[in-house]
Amino acid sequence: MAGGLLNHSKKSGQNKLVHSGPVKVENQVERGDVVTDENTVTFPANVRVDNHIRNQITALNNIGIGSTQKEVVGNLLSERIEKLSDSDRQRFNRILNILEQKDYLTSLSKK
């Protein structure tokens, strides 16, 4: 089929791949950098809100405050937690640690 759609080069045997030097690792990651021994567990959970709060979260997400609704809520929580007084922050951290431990122990009992 003369004049076909494919126009292969007649120069066979030429290697078009260019090989560079060997791959060199610059920053080695240790297992401890990735895996922690903390007793925490993450799983999906629902929080009941009304449609107005949901719409506000979606609007903040749409204007770029976060890339996901989870990120928007996380950012808002972080900002609010930073504004807590020292005593309130200590109380918050104690309560949060208790709740995190409860989640961890609950997850162990489900295994």
C-alpha atoms as a PDB file:
ATOM      1  CA  MET A   1       0.000   0.000   0.000  1.00  0.00           C
ATOM      2  CA  ALA A   2       2.044   2.947  -1.272  1.00  0.00           C
ATOM      3  CA  GLY A   3       1.399   6.338   0.317  1.00  0.00           C
ATOM      4  CA  GLY A   4      -0.191   4.813   3.416  1.00  0.00           C
ATOM      5  CA  LEU A   5      -0.967   6.690   6.581  1.00  0.00           C
ATOM      6  CA  LEU A   6       2.055   5.379   8.452  1.00  0.00           C
ATOM      7  CA  ASN A   7       5.397   6.967   7.683  1.00  0.00           C
ATOM      8  CA  HIS A   8       7.950   4.806   9.478  1.00  0.00           C
ATOM      9  CA  SER A   9      11.571   5.763   9.298  1.00  0.00           C
ATOM     10  CA  LYS A  10      13.645   3.552   7.022  1.00  0.00           C
ATOM     11  CA  LYS A  11      16.546   3.830   9.478  1.00  0.00           C
ATOM     12  CA  SER A  12      16.026   0.742  11.571  1.00  0.00           C
ATOM     13  CA  GLY A  13      18.513  -0.112  14.253  1.00  0.00           C
ATOM     14  CA  GLN A  14      18.799   3.405  15.639  1.00  0.00           C
ATOM     15  CA  ASN A  15      17.990   3.549  19.337  1.00  0.00           C
ATOM     16  CA  LYS A  16      15.969   6.679  20.034  1.00  0.00           C
ATOM     17  CA  LEU A  17      16.137   6.245  23.814  1.00  0.00           C
ATOM     18  CA  VAL A  18      18.788   8.330  25.506  1.00  0.00           C
ATOM     19  CA  HIS A  19      20.137   6.710  28.653  1.00  0.00           C
ATOM     20  CA  SER A  20      21.306   8.954  31.432  1.00  0.00           C
ATOM     21  CA  GLY A  21      23.428   8.099  34.440  1.00  0.00           C
ATOM     22  CA  PRO A  22      22.247   5.819  37.226  1.00  0.00           C
ATOM     23  CA  VAL A  23      19.472   7.014  39.533  1.00  0.00           C
ATOM     24  CA  LYS A  24      20.882   8.463  42.735  1.00  0.00           C
ATOM     25  CA  VAL A  25      18.800   8.776  45.917  1.00  0.00           C
ATOM     26  CA  GLU A  26      19.280  12.182  47.522  1.00  0.00           C
ATOM     27  CA  ASN A  27      16.993  11.904  50.548  1.00  0.00           C
ATOM     28  CA  GLN A  28      16.496   8.507  52.151  1.00  0.00           C
ATOM     29  CA  VAL A  29      13.273   8.051  54.135  1.00  0.00           C
ATOM     30  CA  GLU A  30      13.380   5.912  57.258  1.00  0.00           C
ATOM     31  CA  ARG A  31      10.447   3.741  58.329  1.00  0.00           C
ATOM     32  CA  GLY A  32      10.068   5.796  61.505  1.00  0.00           C
ATOM     33  CA  ASP A  33       9.507   8.918  59.407  1.00  0.00           C
ATOM     34  CA  VAL A  34       6.435   7.357  57.831  1.00  0.00           C
ATOM     35  CA  VAL A  35       5.058   4.915  60.401  1.00  0.00           C
ATOM     36  CA  THR A  36       4.422   6.197  63.880  1.00  0.00           C
ATOM     37  CA  ASP A  37       3.620   4.151  66.949  1.00  0.00           C
ATOM     38  CA  GLU A  38       0.931   6.541  68.123  1.00  0.00           C
ATOM     39  CA  ASN A  39      -2.278   4.944  69.261  1.00  0.00           C
ATOM     40  CA  THR A  40      -4.555   6.769  66.868  1.00  0.00           C
ATOM     41  CA  VAL A  41      -7.007   5.555  64.299  1.00  0.00           C
ATOM     42  CA  THR A  42      -8.780   7.386  61.472  1.00  0.00           C
ATOM     43  CA  PHE A  43     -12.143   6.376  60.069  1.00  0.00           C
ATOM     44  CA  PRO A  44     -15.047   8.157  58.350  1.00  0.00           C
ATOM     45  CA  ALA A  45     -17.547   9.846  60.659  1.00  0.00           C
ATOM     46  CA  ASN A  46     -20.602  12.004  60.093  1.00  0.00           C
ATOM     47  CA  VAL A  47     -21.483  15.295  61.750  1.00  0.00           C
ATOM     48  CA  ARG A  48     -25.081  16.420  61.498  1.00  0.00           C
ATOM     49  CA  VAL A  49     -25.484  20.025  60.372  1.00  0.00           C
ATOM     50  CA  ASP A  50     -28.392  21.874  58.858  1.00  0.00           C
ATOM     51  CA  ASN A  51     -28.540  22.875  55.198  1.00  0.00           C
ATOM     52  CA  HIS A  52     -27.408  26.448  55.926  1.00  0.00           C
ATOM     53  CA  ILE A  53     -24.131  25.355  57.507  1.00  0.00           C
ATOM     54  CA  ARG A  54     -23.587  22.810  54.729  1.00  0.00           C
ATOM     55  CA  ASN A  55     -24.175  25.547  52.130  1.00  0.00           C
ATOM     56  CA  GLN A  56     -21.699  27.876  53.856  1.00  0.00           C
ATOM     57  CA  ILE A  57     -19.055  25.142  53.854  1.00  0.00           C
ATOM     58  CA  THR A  58     -19.715  24.484  50.165  1.00  0.00           C
ATOM     59  CA  ALA A  59     -19.514  28.206  49.356  1.00  0.00           C
ATOM     60  CA  LEU A  60     -16.174  28.532  51.188  1.00  0.00           C
ATOM     61  CA  ASN A  61     -14.952  25.487  49.290  1.00  0.00           C
ATOM     62  CA  ASN A  62     -16.074  26.975  45.968  1.00  0.00           C
ATOM     63  CA  ILE A  63     -14.191  30.236  46.542  1.00  0.00           C
ATOM     64  CA  GLY A  64     -11.014  28.285  47.248  1.00  0.00           C
ATOM     65  CA  ILE A  65     -10.737  28.290  51.034  1.00  0.00           C
ATOM     66  CA  GLY A  66     -10.069  24.560  50.810  1.00  0.00           C
ATOM     67  CA  SER A  67      -9.888  21.906  48.135  1.00  0.00           C
ATOM     68  CA  THR A  68     -12.466  19.730  49.937  1.00  0.00           C
ATOM     69  CA  GLN A  69     -15.231  20.320  52.461  1.00  0.00           C
ATOM     70  CA  LYS A  70     -13.180  18.343  54.982  1.00  0.00           C
ATOM     71  CA  GLU A  71     -10.270  20.732  54.436  1.00  0.00           C
ATOM     72  CA  VAL A  72     -12.536  23.787  54.866  1.00  0.00           C
ATOM     73  CA  VAL A  73     -13.833  22.490  58.191  1.00  0.00           C
ATOM     74  CA  GLY A  74     -10.310  21.517  59.279  1.00  0.00           C
ATOM     75  CA  ASN A  75      -8.980  24.992  58.444  1.00  0.00           C
ATOM     76  CA  LEU A  76     -11.793  26.687  60.351  1.00  0.00           C
ATOM     77  CA  LEU A  77     -11.212  24.440  63.358  1.00  0.00           C
ATOM     78  CA  SER A  78      -7.464  25.123  63.321  1.00  0.00           C
ATOM     79  CA  GLU A  79      -8.042  28.878  63.235  1.00  0.00           C
ATOM     80  CA  ARG A  80     -10.494  28.684  66.144  1.00  0.00           C
ATOM     81  CA  ILE A  81      -8.284  26.391  68.236  1.00  0.00           C
ATOM     82  CA  GLU A  82      -5.335  28.778  67.797  1.00  0.00           C
ATOM     83  CA  LYS A  83      -7.436  31.552  69.357  1.00  0.00           C
ATOM     84  CA  LEU A  84      -8.191  29.584  72.546  1.00  0.00           C
ATOM     85  CA  SER A  85      -6.755  30.840  75.811  1.00  0.00           C
ATOM     86  CA  ASP A  86      -4.025  28.710  77.380  1.00  0.00           C
ATOM     87  CA  SER A  87      -6.378  27.187  79.941  1.00  0.00           C
ATOM     88  CA  ASP A  88      -9.055  26.444  77.340  1.00  0.00           C
ATOM     89  CA  ARG A  89      -6.451  24.946  75.022  1.00  0.00           C
ATOM     90  CA  GLN A  90      -5.252  22.630  77.816  1.00  0.00           C
ATOM     91  CA  ARG A  91      -8.818  21.545  78.518  1.00  0.00           C
ATOM     92  CA  PHE A  92      -9.422  21.074  74.788  1.00  0.00           C
ATOM     93  CA  ASN A  93      -6.281  18.927  74.418  1.00  0.00           C
ATOM     94  CA  ARG A  94      -7.213  16.752  77.420  1.00  0.00           C
ATOM     95  CA  ILE A  95     -10.724  16.168  76.074  1.00  0.00           C
ATOM     96  CA  LEU A  96      -9.408  15.533  72.553  1.00  0.00           C
ATOM     97  CA  ASN A  97      -6.869  12.992  73.843  1.00  0.00           C
ATOM     98  CA  ILE A  98      -9.587  11.151  75.773  1.00  0.00           C
ATOM     99  CA  LEU A  99     -11.801  11.012  72.672  1.00  0.00           C
ATOM    100  CA  GLU A 100      -8.900   9.833  70.485  1.00  0.00           C
ATOM    101  CA  GLN A 101      -8.063   7.078  72.996  1.00  0.00           C
ATOM    102  CA  LYS A 102     -11.708   6.016  73.056  1.00  0.00           C
ATOM    103  CA  ASP A 103     -11.742   5.746  69.245  1.00  0.00           C
ATOM    104  CA  TYR A 104      -8.520   3.734  69.294  1.00  0.00           C
ATOM    105  CA  LEU A 105      -9.779   1.303  71.930  1.00  0.00           C
ATOM    106  CA  THR A 106     -13.103   0.947  70.120  1.00  0.00           C
ATOM    107  CA  SER A 107     -11.277   0.099  66.901  1.00  0.00           C
ATOM    108  CA  LEU A 108      -9.260  -2.587  68.712  1.00  0.00           C
ATOM    109  CA  SER A 109     -12.416  -4.239  70.022  1.00  0.00           C
ATOM    110  CA  LYS A 110     -13.839  -4.431  66.478  1.00  0.00           C
ATOM    111  CA  LYS A 111     -10.847  -6.385  65.153  1.00  0.00           C
END
